Amino acid sequence: MTMQSHVAELERRHQALEKQLREETIRPATDDTRIADLKRRKLILKDEIARLKGATLH
């Protein structure tokens, strides 16, 4: 897997988590623990994407 395809996969997963987060927040009985988990997982992916993109620039 190339670096570019790996970053693309991470971005796809980040978008999927964003969709799940939106769906969770519009539910009548939102689960705060699940929302926090989704946000944490999104942040981890965002940091990894930024790290990989930064590594390709250097």
Protein backbone atom coordinates (compact mmCIF):
# COMPACT_ATOMS: atom_id res chain seq x y z
CA MET A 1 0.00 0.00 0.00
CA THR A 2 1.41 3.35 -0.98
CA MET A 3 1.53 6.24 1.46
CA GLN A 4 -1.05 8.09 -0.63
CA SER A 5 -3.49 5.18 -0.62
CA HIS A 6 -2.97 4.72 3.12
CA VAL A 7 -3.80 8.39 3.75
CA ALA A 8 -6.85 8.07 1.48
CA GLU A 9 -8.06 5.06 3.50
CA LEU A 10 -7.59 6.95 6.77
CA GLU A 11 -9.52 9.90 5.34
CA ARG A 12 -12.32 7.55 4.28
CA ARG A 13 -12.48 6.12 7.80
CA HIS A 14 -12.46 9.65 9.24
CA GLN A 15 -15.46 10.55 7.05
CA ALA A 16 -17.29 7.39 8.12
CA LEU A 17 -16.78 8.34 11.76
CA GLU A 18 -18.05 11.85 11.00
CA LYS A 19 -21.21 10.33 9.51
CA GLN A 20 -21.70 8.10 12.56
CA LEU A 21 -21.22 11.11 14.82
CA ARG A 22 -23.84 13.15 12.93
CA GLU A 23 -26.28 10.24 13.10
CA GLU A 24 -25.68 9.78 16.82
CA THR A 25 -26.23 13.45 17.63
CA ILE A 26 -29.63 13.59 15.90
CA ARG A 27 -30.97 10.55 17.72
CA PRO A 28 -33.57 11.37 20.36
CA ALA A 29 -31.65 9.52 23.08
CA THR A 30 -28.04 10.39 22.37
CA ASP A 31 -25.35 8.31 24.01
CA ASP A 32 -22.75 10.72 25.40
CA THR A 33 -20.23 7.93 25.88
CA ARG A 34 -20.57 6.84 22.26
CA ILE A 35 -20.25 10.44 21.05
CA ALA A 36 -17.08 10.90 23.09
CA ASP A 37 -15.68 7.65 21.70
CA LEU A 38 -16.43 8.65 18.12
CA LYS A 39 -14.80 12.06 18.64
CA ARG A 40 -11.73 10.44 20.19
CA ARG A 41 -11.39 7.99 17.30
CA LYS A 42 -11.81 10.82 14.77
CA LEU A 43 -9.08 12.83 16.48
CA ILE A 44 -6.70 9.86 16.46
CA LEU A 45 -7.27 9.44 12.72
CA LYS A 46 -6.89 13.17 12.08
CA ASP A 47 -3.58 13.21 13.95
CA GLU A 48 -2.34 10.17 12.01
CA ILE A 49 -3.35 11.74 8.69
CA ALA A 50 -1.55 14.98 9.58
CA ARG A 51 1.55 13.05 10.67
CA LEU A 52 1.66 11.05 7.44
CA LYS A 53 1.06 14.09 5.26
CA GLY A 54 3.79 15.94 7.14
CA ALA A 55 6.19 13.04 6.67
CA THR A 56 5.65 13.06 2.91
CA LEU A 57 6.54 16.75 2.72
CA HIS A 58 9.95 16.24 4.35
